[in-house]
């Protein structure tokens, strides 16, 4: 099975993209004011994208939690049904042997 390390890969990608964008801005033929403005704008865009990614990750986490809770609840319900079925089966197995003894004793 392949490792599912999407979060770390995304983080490294974002770091690389930010470094590349910063290098491009610093090496571009612009005035200092224009460069600072471009850096400020890109930083704000990066913050927005990072916040969006965080919200999406949080939502996915909540969905996984809810789905896991449903599965656990279903498993608990099945366990209880299994216990009840086992109890009924034990009672059914004991009942015929007990009634056979009674009919032989009375006959």
PDB file of N, CA and C in Angstrom:
ATOM      1  N   UNK A   1       0.842  -1.186   0.000  1.00  0.00           N
ATOM      2  CA  UNK A   1       0.000   0.000   0.000  1.00  0.00           C
ATOM      3  C   UNK A   1       0.882   1.242   0.000  1.00  0.00           C
ATOM      4  N   UNK A   2       0.462   2.236  -0.682  1.00  0.00           N
ATOM      5  CA  UNK A   2       1.203   3.494  -0.727  1.00  0.00           C
ATOM      6  C   UNK A   2       0.888   4.325   0.507  1.00  0.00           C
ATOM      7  N   UNK A   3       1.885   5.076   0.948  1.00  0.00           N
ATOM      8  CA  UNK A   3       1.655   5.965   2.088  1.00  0.00           C
ATOM      9  C   UNK A   3       0.753   7.097   1.665  1.00  0.00           C
ATOM     10  N   UNK A   4      -0.207   7.424   2.504  1.00  0.00           N
ATOM     11  CA  UNK A   4      -1.104   8.542   2.229  1.00  0.00           C
ATOM     12  C   UNK A   4      -0.644   9.712   3.076  1.00  0.00           C
ATOM     13  N   UNK A   5       0.250  10.515   2.500  1.00  0.00           N
ATOM     14  CA  UNK A   5       0.856  11.612   3.239  1.00  0.00           C
ATOM     15  C   UNK A   5       0.529  12.911   2.525  1.00  0.00           C
ATOM     16  N   UNK A   6      -0.732  13.075   2.132  1.00  0.00           N
ATOM     17  CA  UNK A   6      -1.159  14.237   1.359  1.00  0.00           C
ATOM     18  C   UNK A   6      -0.970  15.549   2.074  1.00  0.00           C
ATOM     19  N   UNK A   7      -1.179  15.588   3.387  1.00  0.00           N
ATOM     20  CA  UNK A   7      -1.045  16.833   4.136  1.00  0.00           C
ATOM     21  C   UNK A   7       0.378  17.356   4.108  1.00  0.00           C
ATOM     22  N   UNK A   8       1.345  16.472   4.316  1.00  0.00           N
ATOM     23  CA  UNK A   8       2.748  16.891   4.307  1.00  0.00           C
ATOM     24  C   UNK A   8       3.162  17.291   2.897  1.00  0.00           C
ATOM     25  N   UNK A   9       2.710  16.538   1.900  1.00  0.00           N
ATOM     26  CA  UNK A   9       3.043  16.882   0.520  1.00  0.00           C
ATOM     27  C   UNK A   9       2.482  18.248   0.150  1.00  0.00           C
ATOM     28  N   UNK A  10       1.264  18.528   0.560  1.00  0.00           N
ATOM     29  CA  UNK A  10       0.648  19.821   0.271  1.00  0.00           C
ATOM     30  C   UNK A  10       1.420  20.938   0.953  1.00  0.00           C
ATOM     31  N   UNK A  11       1.833  20.717   2.182  1.00  0.00           N
ATOM     32  CA  UNK A  11       2.588  21.738   2.915  1.00  0.00           C
ATOM     33  C   UNK A  11       3.900  22.043   2.210  1.00  0.00           C
ATOM     34  N   UNK A  12       4.628  21.009   1.788  1.00  0.00           N
ATOM     35  CA  UNK A  12       5.892  21.238   1.088  1.00  0.00           C
ATOM     36  C   UNK A  12       5.665  21.925  -0.249  1.00  0.00           C
ATOM     37  N   UNK A  13       4.591  21.555  -0.929  1.00  0.00           N
ATOM     38  CA  UNK A  13       4.276  22.223  -2.194  1.00  0.00           C
ATOM     39  C   UNK A  13       4.031  23.712  -1.971  1.00  0.00           C
ATOM     40  N   UNK A  14       3.250  24.039  -0.943  1.00  0.00           N
ATOM     41  CA  UNK A  14       2.956  25.447  -0.651  1.00  0.00           C
ATOM     42  C   UNK A  14       4.214  26.220  -0.266  1.00  0.00           C
ATOM     43  N   UNK A  15       5.091  25.592   0.496  1.00  0.00           N
ATOM     44  CA  UNK A  15       6.353  26.248   0.859  1.00  0.00           C
ATOM     45  C   UNK A  15       7.184  26.508  -0.389  1.00  0.00           C
ATOM     46  N   UNK A  16       7.273  25.522  -1.256  1.00  0.00           N
ATOM     47  CA  UNK A  16       8.032  25.690  -2.500  1.00  0.00           C
ATOM     48  C   UNK A  16       7.440  26.759  -3.395  1.00  0.00           C
ATOM     49  N   UNK A  17       6.113  26.773  -3.482  1.00  0.00           N
ATOM     50  CA  UNK A  17       5.450  27.789  -4.302  1.00  0.00           C
ATOM     51  C   UNK A  17       5.702  29.186  -3.743  1.00  0.00           C
ATOM     52  N   UNK A  18       5.648  29.312  -2.437  1.00  0.00           N
ATOM     53  CA  UNK A  18       5.884  30.623  -1.813  1.00  0.00           C
ATOM     54  C   UNK A  18       7.320  31.082  -2.043  1.00  0.00           C
ATOM     55  N   UNK A  19       8.266  30.172  -1.891  1.00  0.00           N
ATOM     56  CA  UNK A  19       9.668  30.534  -2.124  1.00  0.00           C
ATOM     57  C   UNK A  19       9.910  30.912  -3.585  1.00  0.00           C
ATOM     58  N   UNK A  20       9.322  30.168  -4.480  1.00  0.00           N
ATOM     59  CA  UNK A  20       9.476  30.474  -5.899  1.00  0.00           C
ATOM     60  C   UNK A  20       8.866  31.817  -6.255  1.00  0.00           C
ATOM     61  N   UNK A  21       7.702  32.082  -5.703  1.00  0.00           N
ATOM     62  CA  UNK A  21       7.039  33.363  -5.986  1.00  0.00           C
ATOM     63  C   UNK A  21       7.847  34.525  -5.411  1.00  0.00           C
ATOM     64  N   UNK A  22       8.390  34.339  -4.219  1.00  0.00           N
ATOM     65  CA  UNK A  22       9.192  35.391  -3.596  1.00  0.00           C
ATOM     66  C   UNK A  22      10.456  35.658  -4.416  1.00  0.00           C
ATOM     67  N   UNK A  23      11.112  34.589  -4.846  1.00  0.00           N
ATOM     68  CA  UNK A  23      12.314  34.763  -5.658  1.00  0.00           C
ATOM     69  C   UNK A  23      11.988  35.480  -6.966  1.00  0.00           C
ATOM     70  N   UNK A  24      10.885  35.104  -7.589  1.00  0.00           N
ATOM     71  CA  UNK A  24      10.496  35.751  -8.845  1.00  0.00           C
ATOM     72  C   UNK A  24      10.212  37.225  -8.625  1.00  0.00           C
ATOM     73  N   UNK A  25       9.557  37.551  -7.549  1.00  0.00           N
ATOM     74  CA  UNK A  25       9.250  38.954  -7.273  1.00  0.00           C
ATOM     75  C   UNK A  25      10.505  39.769  -6.988  1.00  0.00           C
ATOM     76  N   UNK A  26      11.418  39.180  -6.250  1.00  0.00           N
ATOM     77  CA  UNK A  26      12.629  39.912  -5.889  1.00  0.00           C
ATOM     78  C   UNK A  26      13.565  40.102  -7.083  1.00  0.00           C
ATOM     79  N   UNK A  27      13.503  39.188  -8.020  1.00  0.00           N
ATOM     80  CA  UNK A  27      14.380  39.279  -9.184  1.00  0.00           C
ATOM     81  C   UNK A  27      13.723  40.015 -10.352  1.00  0.00           C
ATOM     82  N   UNK A  28      12.455  40.318 -10.231  1.00  0.00           N
ATOM     83  CA  UNK A  28      11.737  41.002 -11.314  1.00  0.00           C
ATOM     84  C   UNK A  28      12.188  42.468 -11.390  1.00  0.00           C
ATOM     85  N   UNK A  29      12.213  43.018 -12.583  1.00  0.00           N
ATOM     86  CA  UNK A  29      12.624  44.430 -12.745  1.00  0.00           C
ATOM     87  C   UNK A  29      11.492  45.380 -12.362  1.00  0.00           C
ATOM     88  N   UNK A  30      11.347  45.629 -11.066  1.00  0.00           N
ATOM     89  CA  UNK A  30      10.325  46.533 -10.558  1.00  0.00           C
ATOM     90  C   UNK A  30      10.965  47.467  -9.540  1.00  0.00           C
ATOM     91  N   UNK A  31      10.248  48.503  -9.209  1.00  0.00           N
ATOM     92  CA  UNK A  31      10.727  49.386  -8.153  1.00  0.00           C
ATOM     93  C   UNK A  31      10.503  48.708  -6.811  1.00  0.00           C
ATOM     94  N   UNK A  32      11.145  49.203  -5.781  1.00  0.00           N
ATOM     95  CA  UNK A  32      10.990  48.632  -4.447  1.00  0.00           C
ATOM     96  C   UNK A  32       9.560  48.692  -3.966  1.00  0.00           C
ATOM     97  N   UNK A  33       8.879  49.818  -4.251  1.00  0.00           N
ATOM     98  CA  UNK A  33       7.483  49.967  -3.833  1.00  0.00           C
ATOM     99  C   UNK A  33       6.610  48.941  -4.531  1.00  0.00           C
ATOM    100  N   UNK A  34       6.818  48.750  -5.816  1.00  0.00           N
ATOM    101  CA  UNK A  34       6.017  47.776  -6.564  1.00  0.00           C
ATOM    102  C   UNK A  34       6.277  46.358  -6.056  1.00  0.00           C
ATOM    103  N   UNK A  35       7.544  46.078  -5.781  1.00  0.00           N
ATOM    104  CA  UNK A  35       7.895  44.746  -5.273  1.00  0.00           C
ATOM    105  C   UNK A  35       7.261  44.495  -3.914  1.00  0.00           C
ATOM    106  N   UNK A  36       7.332  45.479  -3.012  1.00  0.00           N
ATOM    107  CA  UNK A  36       6.718  45.322  -1.695  1.00  0.00           C
ATOM    108  C   UNK A  36       5.208  45.135  -1.809  1.00  0.00           C
ATOM    109  N   UNK A  37       4.592  45.875  -2.699  1.00  0.00           N
ATOM    110  CA  UNK A  37       3.146  45.742  -2.913  1.00  0.00           C
ATOM    111  C   UNK A  37       2.806  44.350  -3.445  1.00  0.00           C
ATOM    112  N   UNK A  38       3.614  43.871  -4.362  1.00  0.00           N
ATOM    113  CA  UNK A  38       3.380  42.536  -4.921  1.00  0.00           C
ATOM    114  C   UNK A  38       3.558  41.469  -3.836  1.00  0.00           C
ATOM    115  N   UNK A  39       4.583  41.629  -3.001  1.00  0.00           N
ATOM    116  CA  UNK A  39       4.795  40.671  -1.910  1.00  0.00           C
ATOM    117  C   UNK A  39       3.625  40.705  -0.934  1.00  0.00           C
ATOM    118  N   UNK A  40       3.168  41.896  -0.603  1.00  0.00           N
ATOM    119  CA  UNK A  40       2.025  42.027   0.307  1.00  0.00           C
ATOM    120  C   UNK A  40       0.792  41.348  -0.275  1.00  0.00           C
ATOM    121  N   UNK A  41       0.550  41.589  -1.549  1.00  0.00           N
ATOM    122  CA  UNK A  41      -0.622  41.004  -2.209  1.00  0.00           C
ATOM    123  C   UNK A  41      -0.525  39.478  -2.230  1.00  0.00           C
ATOM    124  N   UNK A  42       0.644  38.961  -2.593  1.00  0.00           N
ATOM    125  CA  UNK A  42       0.830  37.504  -2.643  1.00  0.00           C
ATOM    126  C   UNK A  42       0.715  36.887  -1.247  1.00  0.00           C
ATOM    127  N   UNK A  43       1.204  37.587  -0.257  1.00  0.00           N
ATOM    128  CA  UNK A  43       1.098  37.093   1.118  1.00  0.00           C
ATOM    129  C   UNK A  43      -0.357  36.990   1.543  1.00  0.00           C
ATOM    130  N   UNK A  44      -1.138  37.994   1.209  1.00  0.00           N
ATOM    131  CA  UNK A  44      -2.562  37.951   1.552  1.00  0.00           C
ATOM    132  C   UNK A  44      -3.262  36.817   0.816  1.00  0.00           C
ATOM    133  N   UNK A  45      -2.909  36.623  -0.455  1.00  0.00           N
ATOM    134  CA  UNK A  45      -3.495  35.515  -1.213  1.00  0.00           C
ATOM    135  C   UNK A  45      -3.121  34.181  -0.571  1.00  0.00           C
ATOM    136  N   UNK A  46      -1.856  34.058  -0.168  1.00  0.00           N
ATOM    137  CA  UNK A  46      -1.396  32.824   0.480  1.00  0.00           C
ATOM    138  C   UNK A  46      -2.116  32.557   1.785  1.00  0.00           C
ATOM    139  N   UNK A  47      -2.323  33.605   2.563  1.00  0.00           N
ATOM    140  CA  UNK A  47      -3.061  33.452   3.819  1.00  0.00           C
ATOM    141  C   UNK A  47      -4.481  32.973   3.553  1.00  0.00           C
ATOM    142  N   UNK A  48      -5.114  33.560   2.542  1.00  0.00           N
ATOM    143  CA  UNK A  48      -6.476  33.156   2.207  1.00  0.00           C
ATOM    144  C   UNK A  48      -6.544  31.704   1.771  1.00  0.00           C
ATOM    145  N   UNK A  49      -5.589  31.297   0.930  1.00  0.00           N
ATOM    146  CA  UNK A  49      -5.570  29.903   0.470  1.00  0.00           C
ATOM    147  C   UNK A  49      -5.285  28.954   1.618  1.00  0.00           C
ATOM    148  N   UNK A  50      -4.385  29.354   2.501  1.00  0.00           N
ATOM    149  CA  UNK A  50      -4.069  28.516   3.655  1.00  0.00           C
ATOM    150  C   UNK A  50      -5.279  28.385   4.581  1.00  0.00           C
ATOM    151  N   UNK A  51      -5.995  29.470   4.786  1.00  0.00           N
ATOM    152  CA  UNK A  51      -7.202  29.429   5.624  1.00  0.00           C
ATOM    153  C   UNK A  51      -8.255  28.526   4.984  1.00  0.00           C
ATOM    154  N   UNK A  52      -8.407  28.629   3.665  1.00  0.00           N
ATOM    155  CA  UNK A  52      -9.368  27.770   2.966  1.00  0.00           C
ATOM    156  C   UNK A  52      -8.980  26.300   3.104  1.00  0.00           C
ATOM    157  N   UNK A  53      -7.692  26.009   2.945  1.00  0.00           N
ATOM    158  CA  UNK A  53      -7.229  24.635   3.079  1.00  0.00           C
ATOM    159  C   UNK A  53      -7.471  24.115   4.496  1.00  0.00           C
ATOM    160  N   UNK A  54      -7.243  24.968   5.479  1.00  0.00           N
ATOM    161  CA  UNK A  54      -7.489  24.567   6.862  1.00  0.00           C
ATOM    162  C   UNK A  54      -8.953  24.266   7.112  1.00  0.00           C
ATOM    163  N   UNK A  55      -9.823  25.110   6.565  1.00  0.00           N
ATOM    164  CA  UNK A  55     -11.266  24.864   6.728  1.00  0.00           C
ATOM    165  C   UNK A  55     -11.682  23.562   6.047  1.00  0.00           C
ATOM    166  N   UNK A  56     -11.134  23.316   4.859  1.00  0.00           N
ATOM    167  CA  UNK A  56     -11.470  22.084   4.149  1.00  0.00           C
ATOM    168  C   UNK A  56     -10.978  20.863   4.929  1.00  0.00           C
ATOM    169  N   UNK A  57      -9.762  20.944   5.465  1.00  0.00           N
ATOM    170  CA  UNK A  57      -9.226  19.828   6.245  1.00  0.00           C
ATOM    171  C   UNK A  57     -10.062  19.594   7.498  1.00  0.00           C
ATOM    172  N   UNK A  58     -10.471  20.662   8.147  1.00  0.00           N
ATOM    173  CA  UNK A  58     -11.310  20.539   9.332  1.00  0.00           C
ATOM    174  C   UNK A  58     -12.644  19.884   8.984  1.00  0.00           C
ATOM    175  N   UNK A  59     -13.227  20.294   7.890  1.00  0.00           N
ATOM    176  CA  UNK A  59     -14.508  19.718   7.466  1.00  0.00           C
ATOM    177  C   UNK A  59     -14.355  18.231   7.146  1.00  0.00           C
ATOM    178  N   UNK A  60     -13.274  17.886   6.435  1.00  0.00           N
ATOM    179  CA  UNK A  60     -13.034  16.465   6.137  1.00  0.00           C
ATOM    180  C   UNK A  60     -12.843  15.681   7.428  1.00  0.00           C
ATOM    181  N   UNK A  61     -12.134  16.266   8.377  1.00  0.00           N
ATOM    182  CA  UNK A  61     -11.941  15.596   9.664  1.00  0.00           C
ATOM    183  C   UNK A  61     -13.254  15.353  10.373  1.00  0.00           C
ATOM    184  N   UNK A  62     -14.121  16.341  10.341  1.00  0.00           N
ATOM    185  CA  UNK A  62     -15.445  16.166  10.957  1.00  0.00           C
ATOM    186  C   UNK A  62     -16.240  15.083  10.257  1.00  0.00           C
ATOM    187  N   UNK A  63     -16.173  15.042   8.921  1.00  0.00           N
ATOM    188  CA  UNK A  63     -16.891  14.006   8.174  1.00  0.00           C
ATOM    189  C   UNK A  63     -16.363  12.621   8.529  1.00  0.00           C
ATOM    190  N   UNK A  64     -15.030  12.487   8.601  1.00  0.00           N
ATOM    191  CA  UNK A  64     -14.446  11.197   8.971  1.00  0.00           C
ATOM    192  C   UNK A  64     -14.844  10.802  10.389  1.00  0.00           C
ATOM    193  N   UNK A  65     -14.865  11.759  11.289  1.00  0.00           N
ATOM    194  CA  UNK A  65     -15.271  11.488  12.671  1.00  0.00           C
ATOM    195  C   UNK A  65     -16.718  11.008  12.709  1.00  0.00           C
ATOM    196  N   UNK A  66     -17.600  11.725  12.011  1.00  0.00           N
ATOM    197  CA  UNK A  66     -19.012  11.346  12.003  1.00  0.00           C
ATOM    198  C   UNK A  66     -19.204   9.965  11.401  1.00  0.00           C
ATOM    199  N   UNK A  67     -18.496   9.690  10.300  1.00  0.00           N
ATOM    200  CA  UNK A  67     -18.626   8.383   9.657  1.00  0.00           C
ATOM    201  C   UNK A  67     -18.094   7.284  10.580  1.00  0.00           C
ATOM    202  N   UNK A  68     -16.982   7.541  11.239  1.00  0.00           N
ATOM    203  CA  UNK A  68     -16.432   6.564  12.174  1.00  0.00           C
ATOM    204  C   UNK A  68     -17.362   6.314  13.346  1.00  0.00           C
ATOM    205  N   UNK A  69     -17.998   7.376  13.830  1.00  0.00           N
ATOM    206  CA  UNK A  69     -18.938   7.235  14.937  1.00  0.00           C
ATOM    207  C   UNK A  69     -20.140   6.392  14.506  1.00  0.00           C
ATOM    208  N   UNK A  70     -20.625   6.615  13.295  1.00  0.00           N
ATOM    209  CA  UNK A  70     -21.750   5.817  12.792  1.00  0.00           C
ATOM    210  C   UNK A  70     -21.362   4.343  12.706  1.00  0.00           C
ATOM    211  N   UNK A  71     -20.163   4.083  12.200  1.00  0.00           N
ATOM    212  CA  UNK A  71     -19.703   2.695  12.078  1.00  0.00           C
ATOM    213  C   UNK A  71     -19.583   2.056  13.458  1.00  0.00           C
ATOM    214  N   UNK A  72     -19.045   2.793  14.421  1.00  0.00           N
ATOM    215  CA  UNK A  72     -18.914   2.265  15.780  1.00  0.00           C
ATOM    216  C   UNK A  72     -20.288   2.005  16.394  1.00  0.00           C
ATOM    217  N   UNK A  73     -21.231   2.907  16.172  1.00  0.00           N
ATOM    218  CA  UNK A  73     -22.587   2.711  16.690  1.00  0.00           C
ATOM    219  C   UNK A  73     -23.241   1.483  16.057  1.00  0.00           C
ATOM    220  N   UNK A  74     -23.056   1.330  14.745  1.00  0.00           N
ATOM    221  CA  UNK A  74     -23.606   0.155  14.063  1.00  0.00           C
ATOM    222  C   UNK A  74     -22.981  -1.126  14.601  1.00  0.00           C
ATOM    223  N   UNK A  75     -21.667  -1.094  14.836  1.00  0.00           N
ATOM    224  CA  UNK A  75     -20.985  -2.276  15.361  1.00  0.00           C
ATOM    225  C   UNK A  75     -21.496  -2.607  16.762  1.00  0.00           C
ATOM    226  N   UNK A  76     -21.711  -1.598  17.590  1.00  0.00           N
ATOM    227  CA  UNK A  76     -22.236  -1.839  18.934  1.00  0.00           C
ATOM    228  C   UNK A  76     -23.638  -2.436  18.868  1.00  0.00           C
ATOM    229  N   UNK A  77     -24.440  -1.943  17.949  1.00  0.00           N
ATOM    230  CA  UNK A  77     -25.800  -2.473  17.792  1.00  0.00           C
ATOM    231  C   UNK A  77     -25.759  -3.931  17.335  1.00  0.00           C
ATOM    232  N   UNK A  78     -24.870  -4.231  16.386  1.00  0.00           N
ATOM    233  CA  UNK A  78     -24.740  -5.614  15.928  1.00  0.00           C
ATOM    234  C   UNK A  78     -24.245  -6.522  17.050  1.00  0.00           C
ATOM    235  N   UNK A  79     -23.351  -6.027  17.868  1.00  0.00           N
ATOM    236  CA  UNK A  79     -22.855  -6.803  18.993  1.00  0.00           C
ATOM    237  C   UNK A  79     -23.988  -7.135  19.953  1.00  0.00           C
ATOM    238  N   UNK A  80     -24.818  -6.145  20.253  1.00  0.00           N
ATOM    239  CA  UNK A  80     -25.951  -6.385  21.146  1.00  0.00           C
ATOM    240  C   UNK A  80     -26.918  -7.403  20.534  1.00  0.00           C
ATOM    241  N   UNK A  81     -27.183  -7.273  19.237  1.00  0.00           N
ATOM    242  CA  UNK A  81     -28.074  -8.243  18.578  1.00  0.00           C
ATOM    243  C   UNK A  81     -27.464  -9.643  18.623  1.00  0.00           C
ATOM    244  N   UNK A  82     -26.157  -9.718  18.444  1.00  0.00           N
ATOM    245  CA  UNK A  82     -25.476 -11.016  18.520  1.00  0.00           C
ATOM    246  C   UNK A  82     -25.574 -11.627  19.901  1.00  0.00           C
ATOM    247  N   UNK A  83     -25.396 -10.797  20.928  1.00  0.00           N
ATOM    248  CA  UNK A  83     -25.525 -11.286  22.302  1.00  0.00           C
ATOM    249  C   UNK A  83     -26.938 -11.801  22.569  1.00  0.00           C
ATOM    250  N   UNK A  84     -27.936 -11.039  22.086  1.00  0.00           N
ATOM    251  CA  UNK A  84     -29.328 -11.454  22.284  1.00  0.00           C
ATOM    252  C   UNK A  84     -29.602 -12.770  21.556  1.00  0.00           C
ATOM    253  N   UNK A  85     -29.089 -12.899  20.328  1.00  0.00           N
ATOM    254  CA  UNK A  85     -29.292 -14.129  19.566  1.00  0.00           C
ATOM    255  C   UNK A  85     -28.615 -15.305  20.250  1.00  0.00           C
ATOM    256  N   UNK A  86     -27.424 -15.095  20.783  1.00  0.00           N
ATOM    257  CA  UNK A  86     -26.718 -16.153  21.499  1.00  0.00           C
ATOM    258  C   UNK A  86     -27.494 -16.561  22.747  1.00  0.00           C
ATOM    259  N   UNK A  87     -28.029 -15.580  23.449  1.00  0.00           N
ATOM    260  CA  UNK A  87     -28.805 -15.880  24.647  1.00  0.00           C
ATOM    261  C   UNK A  87     -30.056 -16.687  24.296  1.00  0.00           C
ATOM    262  N   UNK A  88     -30.745 -16.286  23.214  1.00  0.00           N
ATOM    263  CA  UNK A  88     -31.931 -17.040  22.775  1.00  0.00           C
ATOM    264  C   UNK A  88     -31.559 -18.453  22.346  1.00  0.00           C
ATOM    265  N   UNK A  89     -30.416 -18.588  21.675  1.00  0.00           N
ATOM    266  CA  UNK A  89     -29.986 -19.914  21.223  1.00  0.00           C
ATOM    267  C   UNK A  89     -29.657 -20.807  22.418  1.00  0.00           C
ATOM    268  N   UNK A  90     -29.001 -20.259  23.420  1.00  0.00           N
ATOM    269  CA  UNK A  90     -28.696 -21.046  24.620  1.00  0.00           C
ATOM    270  C   UNK A  90     -29.980 -21.486  25.305  1.00  0.00           C
ATOM    271  N   UNK A  91     -30.946 -20.563  25.395  1.00  0.00           N
ATOM    272  CA  UNK A  91     -32.221 -20.887  26.023  1.00  0.00           C
ATOM    273  C   UNK A  91     -32.945 -21.968  25.225  1.00  0.00           C
ATOM    274  N   UNK A  92     -32.906 -21.855  23.897  1.00  0.00           N
ATOM    275  CA  UNK A  92     -33.581 -22.846  23.051  1.00  0.00           C
ATOM    276  C   UNK A  92     -32.927 -24.210  23.165  1.00  0.00           C
ATOM    277  N   UNK A  93     -31.603 -24.259  23.301  1.00  0.00           N
ATOM    278  CA  UNK A  93     -30.900 -25.536  23.417  1.00  0.00           C
ATOM    279  C   UNK A  93     -31.204 -26.178  24.764  1.00  0.00           C
ATOM    280  N   UNK A  94     -31.310 -25.382  25.807  1.00  0.00           N
ATOM    281  CA  UNK A  94     -31.593 -25.911  27.148  1.00  0.00           C
ATOM    282  C   UNK A  94     -33.047 -26.367  27.284  1.00  0.00           C
ATOM    283  N   UNK A  95     -33.966 -25.670  26.650  1.00  0.00           N
ATOM    284  CA  UNK A  95     -35.392 -25.954  26.816  1.00  0.00           C
ATOM    285  C   UNK A  95     -35.768 -27.352  26.343  1.00  0.00           C
ATOM    286  N   UNK A  96     -35.390 -27.821  25.169  1.00  0.00           N
ATOM    287  CA  UNK A  96     -35.805 -29.168  24.750  1.00  0.00           C
ATOM    288  C   UNK A  96     -35.238 -30.263  25.652  1.00  0.00           C
ATOM    289  N   UNK A  97     -34.010 -30.132  26.120  1.00  0.00           N
ATOM    290  CA  UNK A  97     -33.453 -31.183  26.979  1.00  0.00           C
ATOM    291  C   UNK A  97     -34.173 -31.221  28.316  1.00  0.00           C
ATOM    292  N   UNK A  98     -34.569 -30.083  28.814  1.00  0.00           N
ATOM    293  CA  UNK A  98     -35.318 -30.037  30.075  1.00  0.00           C
ATOM    294  C   UNK A  98     -36.718 -30.592  29.906  1.00  0.00           C
ATOM    295  N   UNK A  99     -37.390 -30.306  28.804  1.00  0.00           N
ATOM    296  CA  UNK A  99     -38.746 -30.810  28.598  1.00  0.00           C
ATOM    297  C   UNK A  99     -38.732 -32.297  28.320  1.00  0.00           C
ATOM    298  N   UNK A 100     -37.654 -32.832  27.715  1.00  0.00           N
ATOM    299  CA  UNK A 100     -37.545 -34.263  27.476  1.00  0.00           C
ATOM    300  C   UNK A 100     -37.428 -35.014  28.795  1.00  0.00           C
ATOM    301  N   UNK A 101     -36.690 -34.460  29.732  1.00  0.00           N
ATOM    302  CA  UNK A 101     -36.541 -35.083  31.050  1.00  0.00           C
ATOM    303  C   UNK A 101     -37.885 -35.132  31.762  1.00  0.00           C
ATOM    304  N   UNK A 102     -38.669 -34.073  31.657  1.00  0.00           N
ATOM    305  CA  UNK A 102     -39.965 -34.021  32.313  1.00  0.00           C
ATOM    306  C   UNK A 102     -40.925 -35.051  31.710  1.00  0.00           C
ATOM    307  N   UNK A 103     -40.900 -35.202  30.404  1.00  0.00           N
ATOM    308  CA  UNK A 103     -41.842 -36.153  29.787  1.00  0.00           C
ATOM    309  C   UNK A 103     -41.441 -37.583  30.106  1.00  0.00           C
ATOM    310  N   UNK A 104     -40.167 -37.880  30.240  1.00  0.00           N
ATOM    311  CA  UNK A 104     -39.746 -39.227  30.597  1.00  0.00           C
ATOM    312  C   UNK A 104     -40.096 -39.530  32.051  1.00  0.00           C
ATOM    313  N   UNK A 105     -40.005 -38.514  32.908  1.00  0.00           N
ATOM    314  CA  UNK A 105     -40.280 -38.725  34.326  1.00  0.00           C
ATOM    315  C   UNK A 105     -41.773 -38.969  34.556  1.00  0.00           C
ATOM    316  N   UNK A 106     -42.603 -38.327  33.774  1.00  0.00           N
ATOM    317  CA  UNK A 106     -44.034 -38.474  33.986  1.00  0.00           C
ATOM    318  C   UNK A 106     -44.552 -39.726  33.289  1.00  0.00           C
ATOM    319  N   UNK A 107     -43.806 -40.334  32.361  1.00  0.00           N
ATOM    320  CA  UNK A 107     -44.291 -41.459  31.577  1.00  0.00           C
ATOM    321  C   UNK A 107     -43.954 -42.778  32.067  1.00  0.00           C
TER     322      UNK A 107
END
